[in-house]
Amino acid sequence: MQGIIQFFKDLVERSAFGVCAAIGERLGLSSGRIRMYFIYLSFVALGSPIIIYLFMAFWLNIAKYFRSNEVMA
């Protein structure tokens, strides 16, 4: 059971924190500040920013996949 929890934690940390860093680089803000905005918005908007956050994490992974394939081709 502990191994499953650790695997899930590692998976979330690898995919989730890249979103805030990518947004921060493009907007010129710190990723910590963006994480706080997501947390506050999640409380105010009853969780809808979490859906946007997950979509953006998915999109970043797709973009990373295409960039890695372009380099290899």
PDB file of N, CA and C in Angstrom:
ATOM      1  N   MET A   1       0.828  -1.198   0.000  1.00  0.00           N
ATOM      2  CA  MET A   1       0.000   0.000   0.000  1.00  0.00           C
ATOM      3  C   MET A   1       0.872   1.262   0.000  1.00  0.00           C
ATOM      4  N   GLN A   2       1.953   1.247   0.772  1.00  0.00           N
ATOM      5  CA  GLN A   2       2.843   2.402   0.852  1.00  0.00           C
ATOM      6  C   GLN A   2       3.486   2.685  -0.500  1.00  0.00           C
ATOM      7  N   GLY A   3       3.812   1.631  -1.257  1.00  0.00           N
ATOM      8  CA  GLY A   3       4.411   1.800  -2.579  1.00  0.00           C
ATOM      9  C   GLY A   3       3.469   2.485  -3.555  1.00  0.00           C
ATOM     10  N   ILE A   4       2.179   2.169  -3.466  1.00  0.00           N
ATOM     11  CA  ILE A   4       1.185   2.787  -4.342  1.00  0.00           C
ATOM     12  C   ILE A   4       1.050   4.268  -4.022  1.00  0.00           C
ATOM     13  N   ILE A   5       1.037   4.591  -2.751  1.00  0.00           N
ATOM     14  CA  ILE A   5       0.924   5.990  -2.341  1.00  0.00           C
ATOM     15  C   ILE A   5       2.143   6.781  -2.798  1.00  0.00           C
ATOM     16  N   GLN A   6       3.327   6.200  -2.641  1.00  0.00           N
ATOM     17  CA  GLN A   6       4.554   6.880  -3.065  1.00  0.00           C
ATOM     18  C   GLN A   6       4.571   7.076  -4.581  1.00  0.00           C
ATOM     19  N   PHE A   7       4.117   6.054  -5.332  1.00  0.00           N
ATOM     20  CA  PHE A   7       4.053   6.161  -6.788  1.00  0.00           C
ATOM     21  C   PHE A   7       3.111   7.294  -7.202  1.00  0.00           C
ATOM     22  N   PHE A   8       1.933   7.362  -6.577  1.00  0.00           N
ATOM     23  CA  PHE A   8       0.966   8.407  -6.899  1.00  0.00           C
ATOM     24  C   PHE A   8       1.520   9.778  -6.553  1.00  0.00           C
ATOM     25  N   LYS A   9       2.181   9.891  -5.416  1.00  0.00           N
ATOM     26  CA  LYS A   9       2.770  11.164  -5.007  1.00  0.00           C
ATOM     27  C   LYS A   9       3.831  11.617  -6.001  1.00  0.00           C
ATOM     28  N   ASP A  10       4.709  10.695  -6.422  1.00  0.00           N
ATOM     29  CA  ASP A  10       5.744  11.038  -7.398  1.00  0.00           C
ATOM     30  C   ASP A  10       5.140  11.447  -8.733  1.00  0.00           C
ATOM     31  N   LEU A  11       4.097  10.750  -9.159  1.00  0.00           N
ATOM     32  CA  LEU A  11       3.425  11.066 -10.422  1.00  0.00           C
ATOM     33  C   LEU A  11       2.811  12.464 -10.388  1.00  0.00           C
ATOM     34  N   VAL A  12       2.147  12.790  -9.295  1.00  0.00           N
ATOM     35  CA  VAL A  12       1.517  14.110  -9.166  1.00  0.00           C
ATOM     36  C   VAL A  12       2.571  15.210  -9.134  1.00  0.00           C
ATOM     37  N   GLU A  13       3.652  15.001  -8.399  1.00  0.00           N
ATOM     38  CA  GLU A  13       4.688  16.027  -8.298  1.00  0.00           C
ATOM     39  C   GLU A  13       5.372  16.268  -9.637  1.00  0.00           C
ATOM     40  N   ARG A  14       5.616  15.208 -10.409  1.00  0.00           N
ATOM     41  CA  ARG A  14       6.269  15.376 -11.709  1.00  0.00           C
ATOM     42  C   ARG A  14       5.382  16.123 -12.686  1.00  0.00           C
ATOM     43  N   SER A  15       4.097  15.807 -12.716  1.00  0.00           N
ATOM     44  CA  SER A  15       3.233  16.417 -13.730  1.00  0.00           C
ATOM     45  C   SER A  15       2.607  17.724 -13.266  1.00  0.00           C
ATOM     46  N   ALA A  16       2.348  17.878 -11.991  1.00  0.00           N
ATOM     47  CA  ALA A  16       1.605  19.051 -11.531  1.00  0.00           C
ATOM     48  C   ALA A  16       2.464  20.300 -11.406  1.00  0.00           C
ATOM     49  N   PHE A  17       3.676  20.185 -10.913  1.00  0.00           N
ATOM     50  CA  PHE A  17       4.454  21.377 -10.647  1.00  0.00           C
ATOM     51  C   PHE A  17       5.037  21.990 -11.902  1.00  0.00           C
ATOM     52  N   GLY A  18       5.082  21.273 -12.993  1.00  0.00           N
ATOM     53  CA  GLY A  18       5.565  21.827 -14.246  1.00  0.00           C
ATOM     54  C   GLY A  18       4.637  22.876 -14.822  1.00  0.00           C
ATOM     55  N   VAL A  19       3.357  22.776 -14.509  1.00  0.00           N
ATOM     56  CA  VAL A  19       2.376  23.729 -15.030  1.00  0.00           C
ATOM     57  C   VAL A  19       2.646  25.119 -14.468  1.00  0.00           C
ATOM     58  N   CYS A  20       2.804  25.225 -13.176  1.00  0.00           N
ATOM     59  CA  CYS A  20       3.036  26.532 -12.557  1.00  0.00           C
ATOM     60  C   CYS A  20       4.361  27.137 -13.017  1.00  0.00           C
ATOM     61  N   ALA A  21       5.370  26.300 -13.173  1.00  0.00           N
ATOM     62  CA  ALA A  21       6.661  26.802 -13.636  1.00  0.00           C
ATOM     63  C   ALA A  21       6.564  27.316 -15.066  1.00  0.00           C
ATOM     64  N   ALA A  22       5.845  26.600 -15.926  1.00  0.00           N
ATOM     65  CA  ALA A  22       5.697  27.030 -17.316  1.00  0.00           C
ATOM     66  C   ALA A  22       4.914  28.338 -17.421  1.00  0.00           C
ATOM     67  N   ILE A  23       3.852  28.455 -16.644  1.00  0.00           N
ATOM     68  CA  ILE A  23       3.071  29.701 -16.646  1.00  0.00           C
ATOM     69  C   ILE A  23       3.916  30.848 -16.103  1.00  0.00           C
ATOM     70  N   GLY A  24       4.666  30.576 -15.036  1.00  0.00           N
ATOM     71  CA  GLY A  24       5.505  31.603 -14.437  1.00  0.00           C
ATOM     72  C   GLY A  24       6.572  32.110 -15.381  1.00  0.00           C
ATOM     73  N   GLU A  25       7.169  31.207 -16.163  1.00  0.00           N
ATOM     74  CA  GLU A  25       8.181  31.632 -17.124  1.00  0.00           C
ATOM     75  C   GLU A  25       7.586  32.532 -18.198  1.00  0.00           C
ATOM     76  N   ARG A  26       6.401  32.196 -18.660  1.00  0.00           N
ATOM     77  CA  ARG A  26       5.781  32.988 -19.730  1.00  0.00           C
ATOM     78  C   ARG A  26       5.283  34.344 -19.236  1.00  0.00           C
ATOM     79  N   LEU A  27       4.807  34.392 -17.996  1.00  0.00           N
ATOM     80  CA  LEU A  27       4.264  35.642 -17.466  1.00  0.00           C
ATOM     81  C   LEU A  27       5.274  36.441 -16.657  1.00  0.00           C
ATOM     82  N   GLY A  28       6.399  35.841 -16.356  1.00  0.00           N
ATOM     83  CA  GLY A  28       7.412  36.536 -15.570  1.00  0.00           C
ATOM     84  C   GLY A  28       7.086  36.595 -14.092  1.00  0.00           C
ATOM     85  N   LEU A  29       6.321  35.625 -13.581  1.00  0.00           N
ATOM     86  CA  LEU A  29       5.965  35.553 -12.166  1.00  0.00           C
ATOM     87  C   LEU A  29       6.597  34.314 -11.549  1.00  0.00           C
ATOM     88  N   SER A  30       6.696  34.308 -10.229  1.00  0.00           N
ATOM     89  CA  SER A  30       7.231  33.126  -9.560  1.00  0.00           C
ATOM     90  C   SER A  30       6.179  32.021  -9.552  1.00  0.00           C
ATOM     91  N   SER A  31       6.647  30.791  -9.626  1.00  0.00           N
ATOM     92  CA  SER A  31       5.713  29.666  -9.654  1.00  0.00           C
ATOM     93  C   SER A  31       4.979  29.517  -8.319  1.00  0.00           C
ATOM     94  N   GLY A  32       5.611  29.916  -7.228  1.00  0.00           N
ATOM     95  CA  GLY A  32       4.945  29.858  -5.929  1.00  0.00           C
ATOM     96  C   GLY A  32       3.730  30.766  -5.862  1.00  0.00           C
ATOM     97  N   ARG A  33       3.849  31.942  -6.447  1.00  0.00           N
ATOM     98  CA  ARG A  33       2.722  32.875  -6.467  1.00  0.00           C
ATOM     99  C   ARG A  33       1.575  32.314  -7.317  1.00  0.00           C
ATOM    100  N   ILE A  34       1.909  31.685  -8.419  1.00  0.00           N
ATOM    101  CA  ILE A  34       0.880  31.111  -9.284  1.00  0.00           C
ATOM    102  C   ILE A  34       0.191  29.949  -8.580  1.00  0.00           C
ATOM    103  N   ARG A  35       0.943  29.134  -7.851  1.00  0.00           N
ATOM    104  CA  ARG A  35       0.330  28.047  -7.077  1.00  0.00           C
ATOM    105  C   ARG A  35      -0.656  28.604  -6.054  1.00  0.00           C
ATOM    106  N   MET A  36      -0.282  29.695  -5.404  1.00  0.00           N
ATOM    107  CA  MET A  36      -1.194  30.302  -4.430  1.00  0.00           C
ATOM    108  C   MET A  36      -2.465  30.806  -5.102  1.00  0.00           C
ATOM    109  N   TYR A  37      -2.342  31.408  -6.286  1.00  0.00           N
ATOM    110  CA  TYR A  37      -3.526  31.851  -7.017  1.00  0.00           C
ATOM    111  C   TYR A  37      -4.439  30.685  -7.348  1.00  0.00           C
ATOM    112  N   PHE A  38      -3.862  29.555  -7.772  1.00  0.00           N
ATOM    113  CA  PHE A  38      -4.679  28.384  -8.061  1.00  0.00           C
ATOM    114  C   PHE A  38      -5.396  27.890  -6.810  1.00  0.00           C
ATOM    115  N   ILE A  39      -4.698  27.890  -5.684  1.00  0.00           N
ATOM    116  CA  ILE A  39      -5.326  27.433  -4.438  1.00  0.00           C
ATOM    117  C   ILE A  39      -6.473  28.354  -4.049  1.00  0.00           C
ATOM    118  N   TYR A  40      -6.234  29.666  -4.077  1.00  0.00           N
ATOM    119  CA  TYR A  40      -7.294  30.612  -3.716  1.00  0.00           C
ATOM    120  C   TYR A  40      -8.468  30.538  -4.676  1.00  0.00           C
ATOM    121  N   LEU A  41      -8.186  30.462  -5.964  1.00  0.00           N
ATOM    122  CA  LEU A  41      -9.265  30.360  -6.940  1.00  0.00           C
ATOM    123  C   LEU A  41     -10.053  29.068  -6.785  1.00  0.00           C
ATOM    124  N   SER A  42      -9.394  27.997  -6.386  1.00  0.00           N
ATOM    125  CA  SER A  42     -10.090  26.729  -6.184  1.00  0.00           C
ATOM    126  C   SER A  42     -11.094  26.828  -5.050  1.00  0.00           C
ATOM    127  N   PHE A  43     -10.742  27.559  -3.992  1.00  0.00           N
ATOM    128  CA  PHE A  43     -11.689  27.743  -2.897  1.00  0.00           C
ATOM    129  C   PHE A  43     -12.850  28.637  -3.312  1.00  0.00           C
ATOM    130  N   VAL A  44     -12.554  29.704  -4.034  1.00  0.00           N
ATOM    131  CA  VAL A  44     -13.591  30.655  -4.418  1.00  0.00           C
ATOM    132  C   VAL A  44     -14.512  30.079  -5.488  1.00  0.00           C
ATOM    133  N   ALA A  45     -13.934  29.409  -6.468  1.00  0.00           N
ATOM    134  CA  ALA A  45     -14.712  28.924  -7.615  1.00  0.00           C
ATOM    135  C   ALA A  45     -15.117  27.455  -7.457  1.00  0.00           C
ATOM    136  N   LEU A  46     -15.023  26.923  -6.259  1.00  0.00           N
ATOM    137  CA  LEU A  46     -15.459  25.560  -5.949  1.00  0.00           C
ATOM    138  C   LEU A  46     -14.775  24.500  -6.804  1.00  0.00           C
ATOM    139  N   GLY A  47     -13.500  24.643  -7.041  1.00  0.00           N
ATOM    140  CA  GLY A  47     -12.714  23.602  -7.680  1.00  0.00           C
ATOM    141  C   GLY A  47     -12.553  23.675  -9.179  1.00  0.00           C
ATOM    142  N   SER A  48     -13.210  24.590  -9.857  1.00  0.00           N
ATOM    143  CA  SER A  48     -13.086  24.635 -11.318  1.00  0.00           C
ATOM    144  C   SER A  48     -11.669  24.951 -11.803  1.00  0.00           C
ATOM    145  N   PRO A  49     -10.860  25.740 -11.100  1.00  0.00           N
ATOM    146  CA  PRO A  49      -9.474  25.936 -11.560  1.00  0.00           C
ATOM    147  C   PRO A  49      -8.655  24.647 -11.561  1.00  0.00           C
ATOM    148  N   ILE A  50      -9.036  23.680 -10.749  1.00  0.00           N
ATOM    149  CA  ILE A  50      -8.318  22.408 -10.757  1.00  0.00           C
ATOM    150  C   ILE A  50      -8.489  21.713 -12.096  1.00  0.00           C
ATOM    151  N   ILE A  51      -9.662  21.802 -12.689  1.00  0.00           N
ATOM    152  CA  ILE A  51      -9.899  21.219 -14.010  1.00  0.00           C
ATOM    153  C   ILE A  51      -9.030  21.911 -15.050  1.00  0.00           C
ATOM    154  N   ILE A  52      -8.940  23.226 -14.981  1.00  0.00           N
ATOM    155  CA  ILE A  52      -8.097  23.984 -15.908  1.00  0.00           C
ATOM    156  C   ILE A  52      -6.638  23.598 -15.704  1.00  0.00           C
ATOM    157  N   TYR A  53      -6.228  23.459 -14.451  1.00  0.00           N
ATOM    158  CA  TYR A  53      -4.854  23.085 -14.126  1.00  0.00           C
ATOM    159  C   TYR A  53      -4.505  21.718 -14.704  1.00  0.00           C
ATOM    160  N   LEU A  54      -5.396  20.752 -14.547  1.00  0.00           N
ATOM    161  CA  LEU A  54      -5.144  19.414 -15.078  1.00  0.00           C
ATOM    162  C   LEU A  54      -5.098  19.425 -16.604  1.00  0.00           C
ATOM    163  N   PHE A  55      -5.962  20.219 -17.232  1.00  0.00           N
ATOM    164  CA  PHE A  55      -5.923  20.338 -18.691  1.00  0.00           C
ATOM    165  C   PHE A  55      -4.587  20.920 -19.146  1.00  0.00           C
ATOM    166  N   MET A  56      -4.112  21.923 -18.433  1.00  0.00           N
ATOM    167  CA  MET A  56      -2.839  22.542 -18.806  1.00  0.00           C
ATOM    168  C   MET A  56      -1.677  21.578 -18.589  1.00  0.00           C
ATOM    169  N   ALA A  57      -1.726  20.757 -17.549  1.00  0.00           N
ATOM    170  CA  ALA A  57      -0.684  19.753 -17.327  1.00  0.00           C
ATOM    171  C   ALA A  57      -0.681  18.744 -18.470  1.00  0.00           C
ATOM    172  N   PHE A  58      -1.860  18.326 -18.901  1.00  0.00           N
ATOM    173  CA  PHE A  58      -1.970  17.408 -20.032  1.00  0.00           C
ATOM    174  C   PHE A  58      -1.406  18.052 -21.286  1.00  0.00           C
ATOM    175  N   TRP A  59      -1.740  19.318 -21.523  1.00  0.00           N
ATOM    176  CA  TRP A  59      -1.282  20.017 -22.722  1.00  0.00           C
ATOM    177  C   TRP A  59       0.244  20.170 -22.738  1.00  0.00           C
ATOM    178  N   LEU A  60       0.832  20.467 -21.585  1.00  0.00           N
ATOM    179  CA  LEU A  60       2.295  20.584 -21.510  1.00  0.00           C
ATOM    180  C   LEU A  60       2.975  19.257 -21.819  1.00  0.00           C
ATOM    181  N   ASN A  61       2.397  18.157 -21.348  1.00  0.00           N
ATOM    182  CA  ASN A  61       2.977  16.848 -21.642  1.00  0.00           C
ATOM    183  C   ASN A  61       2.871  16.520 -23.122  1.00  0.00           C
ATOM    184  N   ILE A  62       1.768  16.865 -23.757  1.00  0.00           N
ATOM    185  CA  ILE A  62       1.607  16.627 -25.192  1.00  0.00           C
ATOM    186  C   ILE A  62       2.615  17.475 -25.967  1.00  0.00           C
ATOM    187  N   ALA A  63       2.768  18.735 -25.586  1.00  0.00           N
ATOM    188  CA  ALA A  63       3.717  19.615 -26.271  1.00  0.00           C
ATOM    189  C   ALA A  63       5.144  19.096 -26.104  1.00  0.00           C
ATOM    190  N   LYS A  64       5.483  18.619 -24.909  1.00  0.00           N
ATOM    191  CA  LYS A  64       6.813  18.071 -24.665  1.00  0.00           C
ATOM    192  C   LYS A  64       7.045  16.827 -25.529  1.00  0.00           C
ATOM    193  N   TYR A  65       6.024  16.013 -25.688  1.00  0.00           N
ATOM    194  CA  TYR A  65       6.123  14.817 -26.519  1.00  0.00           C
ATOM    195  C   TYR A  65       6.392  15.190 -27.967  1.00  0.00           C
ATOM    196  N   PHE A  66       5.647  16.165 -28.500  1.00  0.00           N
ATOM    197  CA  PHE A  66       5.848  16.569 -29.889  1.00  0.00           C
ATOM    198  C   PHE A  66       7.214  17.198 -30.105  1.00  0.00           C
ATOM    199  N   ARG A  67       7.684  17.994 -29.148  1.00  0.00           N
ATOM    200  CA  ARG A  67       9.007  18.593 -29.268  1.00  0.00           C
ATOM    201  C   ARG A  67      10.109  17.538 -29.273  1.00  0.00           C
ATOM    202  N   SER A  68       9.956  16.508 -28.470  1.00  0.00           N
ATOM    203  CA  SER A  68      10.968  15.451 -28.433  1.00  0.00           C
ATOM    204  C   SER A  68      10.956  14.643 -29.733  1.00  0.00           C
ATOM    205  N   ASN A  69       9.794  14.482 -30.360  1.00  0.00           N
ATOM    206  CA  ASN A  69       9.723  13.758 -31.624  1.00  0.00           C
ATOM    207  C   ASN A  69      10.281  14.582 -32.777  1.00  0.00           C
ATOM    208  N   GLU A  70      10.141  15.904 -32.709  1.00  0.00           N
ATOM    209  CA  GLU A  70      10.691  16.759 -33.767  1.00  0.00           C
ATOM    210  C   GLU A  70      12.209  16.714 -33.750  1.00  0.00           C
ATOM    211  N   VAL A  71      12.795  16.637 -32.591  1.00  0.00           N
ATOM    212  CA  VAL A  71      14.247  16.589 -32.479  1.00  0.00           C
ATOM    213  C   VAL A  71      14.775  15.287 -33.045  1.00  0.00           C
ATOM    214  N   MET A  72      14.062  14.194 -32.802  1.00  0.00           N
ATOM    215  CA  MET A  72      14.505  12.890 -33.269  1.00  0.00           C
ATOM    216  C   MET A  72      14.295  12.699 -34.767  1.00  0.00           C
ATOM    217  N   ALA A  73      13.339  13.385 -35.347  1.00  0.00           N
ATOM    218  CA  ALA A  73      13.029  13.178 -36.765  1.00  0.00           C
ATOM    219  C   ALA A  73      14.022  13.825 -37.690  1.00  0.00           C
TER     220      ALA A  73
END
